Structure formats: structure tokens, C-alpha cells
Amino acid sequence: MNTVAKICLNTPAVDKQQLLKAASLCHQSLTEFMLQAAYERLYKVLQARDTITLSDAEWEHFQAFLHTADEPNAVLQAAALEYLKEFQQ
């Protein structure tokens, strides 16, 4: 079951008028217009957090690292523990 939650925003009247005008131009209600903008930003923020972009040189270095048979050293083990503390909560 999806529940609905209300969000109240305060904005200067002139900004509200601009938002209403833009929503009208898009044939949307103010709510639809603002939610669409919020969702677009939400996806960009989450994607930036969840995506790592590598240059070609970085990718080649990464691939080479993956194919080495070295045992994890102290720095790598410490980084893994730090990762677990930060992202496994």
C-alpha cells in the first residue's frame, strides 16, 4: 500500500508565480511540475553517489590491478574496513 505524504514549501510569491507559469507551459499542475524537477535532481544526486567514472588510463590501471595475484596489503585491508564502516550501515 502506497501512502501519501504532504510536503509544504515556503517561497516568495514572485517565485511561486514563475513556477505556476512554467508548470502551465508544460501542461502540468504545480505539484506535477515540482515533483518532476525533484525526481530528476534526486536521480542525478543518487547516480553521482553510486557511480564511479574512470578515464581510459584509470580503467586500464584498474583492470591490470584486478588481474594481479598479490595478497591484500595493510593499506587495502584498512580501506576495505573503512568502506564497510561507511557503506554497510
C-alpha atoms as a PDB file:
ATOM      1  CA  MET A   1       0.000   0.000   0.000  1.00  0.00           C
ATOM      2  CA  ASN A   2       1.421   3.389  -1.004  1.00  0.00           C
ATOM      3  CA  THR A   3       0.773   6.108   1.488  1.00  0.00           C
ATOM      4  CA  VAL A   4       0.788   9.750   0.522  1.00  0.00           C
ATOM      5  CA  ALA A   5       2.822  12.292   2.452  1.00  0.00           C
ATOM      6  CA  LYS A   6       2.374  16.015   2.187  1.00  0.00           C
ATOM      7  CA  ILE A   7       5.308  18.391   1.694  1.00  0.00           C
ATOM      8  CA  CYS A   8       4.815  22.077   2.426  1.00  0.00           C
ATOM      9  CA  LEU A   9       7.165  24.644   0.914  1.00  0.00           C
ATOM     10  CA  ASN A  10       7.529  28.354   1.540  1.00  0.00           C
ATOM     11  CA  THR A  11       8.702  30.523  -1.325  1.00  0.00           C
ATOM     12  CA  PRO A  12       8.451  34.184  -2.265  1.00  0.00           C
ATOM     13  CA  ALA A  13       5.206  34.965  -4.105  1.00  0.00           C
ATOM     14  CA  VAL A  14       7.091  36.054  -7.226  1.00  0.00           C
ATOM     15  CA  ASP A  15       8.825  32.663  -7.378  1.00  0.00           C
ATOM     16  CA  LYS A  16       5.515  30.855  -6.968  1.00  0.00           C
ATOM     17  CA  GLN A  17       4.096  32.812  -9.886  1.00  0.00           C
ATOM     18  CA  GLN A  18       7.087  31.816 -12.028  1.00  0.00           C
ATOM     19  CA  LEU A  19       6.665  28.190 -11.017  1.00  0.00           C
ATOM     20  CA  LEU A  20       2.966  28.291 -11.861  1.00  0.00           C
ATOM     21  CA  LYS A  21       3.751  29.852 -15.247  1.00  0.00           C
ATOM     22  CA  ALA A  22       6.372  27.213 -16.044  1.00  0.00           C
ATOM     23  CA  ALA A  23       4.062  24.402 -14.933  1.00  0.00           C
ATOM     24  CA  SER A  24       1.299  25.786 -17.135  1.00  0.00           C
ATOM     25  CA  LEU A  25       3.639  25.913 -20.128  1.00  0.00           C
ATOM     26  CA  CYS A  26       4.389  22.232 -19.535  1.00  0.00           C
ATOM     27  CA  HIS A  27       0.670  21.414 -19.175  1.00  0.00           C
ATOM     28  CA  GLN A  28       1.272  20.238 -15.614  1.00  0.00           C
ATOM     29  CA  SER A  29      -0.049  21.132 -12.219  1.00  0.00           C
ATOM     30  CA  LEU A  30       2.335  22.889  -9.872  1.00  0.00           C
ATOM     31  CA  THR A  31       2.673  19.656  -7.896  1.00  0.00           C
ATOM     32  CA  GLU A  32       3.467  17.611 -11.013  1.00  0.00           C
ATOM     33  CA  PHE A  33       5.984  20.200 -12.205  1.00  0.00           C
ATOM     34  CA  MET A  34       7.798  20.421  -8.874  1.00  0.00           C
ATOM     35  CA  LEU A  35       7.806  16.660  -8.295  1.00  0.00           C
ATOM     36  CA  GLN A  36       9.194  16.027 -11.773  1.00  0.00           C
ATOM     37  CA  ALA A  37      12.013  18.508 -11.123  1.00  0.00           C
ATOM     38  CA  ALA A  38      12.675  16.992  -7.698  1.00  0.00           C
ATOM     39  CA  TYR A  39      12.786  13.442  -9.099  1.00  0.00           C
ATOM     40  CA  GLU A  40      15.184  14.473 -11.874  1.00  0.00           C
ATOM     41  CA  ARG A  41      17.518  16.018  -9.293  1.00  0.00           C
ATOM     42  CA  LEU A  42      17.098  13.021  -6.984  1.00  0.00           C
ATOM     43  CA  TYR A  43      18.237  10.592  -9.682  1.00  0.00           C
ATOM     44  CA  LYS A  44      21.238  12.783 -10.586  1.00  0.00           C
ATOM     45  CA  VAL A  45      22.329  13.038  -6.960  1.00  0.00           C
ATOM     46  CA  LEU A  46      21.966   9.300  -6.332  1.00  0.00           C
ATOM     47  CA  GLN A  47      23.684   8.407  -9.586  1.00  0.00           C
ATOM     48  CA  ALA A  48      26.606  10.700  -8.765  1.00  0.00           C
ATOM     49  CA  ARG A  49      26.909   8.991  -5.381  1.00  0.00           C
ATOM     50  CA  ASP A  50      26.648   5.470  -6.790  1.00  0.00           C
ATOM     51  CA  THR A  51      28.709   5.825  -9.983  1.00  0.00           C
ATOM     52  CA  ILE A  52      32.455   5.967 -10.439  1.00  0.00           C
ATOM     53  CA  THR A  53      33.713   7.333 -13.745  1.00  0.00           C
ATOM     54  CA  LEU A  54      37.209   6.381 -14.853  1.00  0.00           C
ATOM     55  CA  SER A  55      39.357   7.757 -17.648  1.00  0.00           C
ATOM     56  CA  ASP A  56      40.745   5.267 -20.162  1.00  0.00           C
ATOM     57  CA  ALA A  57      44.081   5.256 -18.337  1.00  0.00           C
ATOM     58  CA  GLU A  58      42.398   4.743 -14.959  1.00  0.00           C
ATOM     59  CA  TRP A  59      40.334   1.891 -16.423  1.00  0.00           C
ATOM     60  CA  GLU A  60      43.441   0.172 -17.785  1.00  0.00           C
ATOM     61  CA  HIS A  61      45.175   0.568 -14.416  1.00  0.00           C
ATOM     62  CA  PHE A  62      42.102  -0.816 -12.652  1.00  0.00           C
ATOM     63  CA  GLN A  63      41.927  -3.805 -14.988  1.00  0.00           C
ATOM     64  CA  ALA A  64      45.625  -4.522 -14.514  1.00  0.00           C
ATOM     65  CA  PHE A  65      45.181  -4.341 -10.750  1.00  0.00           C
ATOM     66  CA  LEU A  66      42.299  -6.828 -10.887  1.00  0.00           C
ATOM     67  CA  HIS A  67      44.454  -9.332 -12.728  1.00  0.00           C
ATOM     68  CA  THR A  68      47.338  -9.326 -10.241  1.00  0.00           C
ATOM     69  CA  ALA A  69      47.619 -12.177  -7.788  1.00  0.00           C
ATOM     70  CA  ASP A  70      49.032 -10.099  -4.913  1.00  0.00           C
ATOM     71  CA  GLU A  71      47.612 -10.660  -1.466  1.00  0.00           C
ATOM     72  CA  PRO A  72      45.808  -7.667   0.091  1.00  0.00           C
ATOM     73  CA  ASN A  73      48.302  -5.416   1.852  1.00  0.00           C
ATOM     74  CA  ALA A  74      47.691  -3.399   5.021  1.00  0.00           C
ATOM     75  CA  VAL A  75      46.556  -0.307   3.089  1.00  0.00           C
ATOM     76  CA  LEU A  76      43.989  -2.280   1.099  1.00  0.00           C
ATOM     77  CA  GLN A  77      42.736  -4.059   4.209  1.00  0.00           C
ATOM     78  CA  ALA A  78      42.366  -0.731   6.029  1.00  0.00           C
ATOM     79  CA  ALA A  79      40.490   0.724   3.038  1.00  0.00           C
ATOM     80  CA  ALA A  80      38.153  -2.278   2.998  1.00  0.00           C
ATOM     81  CA  LEU A  81      37.388  -1.855   6.697  1.00  0.00           C
ATOM     82  CA  GLU A  82      36.763   1.873   6.204  1.00  0.00           C
ATOM     83  CA  TYR A  83      34.405   1.063   3.326  1.00  0.00           C
ATOM     84  CA  LEU A  84      32.484  -1.395   5.452  1.00  0.00           C
ATOM     85  CA  LYS A  85      32.132   1.134   8.278  1.00  0.00           C
ATOM     86  CA  GLU A  86      30.851   3.826   5.931  1.00  0.00           C
ATOM     87  CA  PHE A  87      28.642   1.931   3.488  1.00  0.00           C
ATOM     88  CA  GLN A  88      27.393  -1.149   5.310  1.00  0.00           C
ATOM     89  CA  GLN A  89      25.343   0.707   7.917  1.00  0.00           C
END
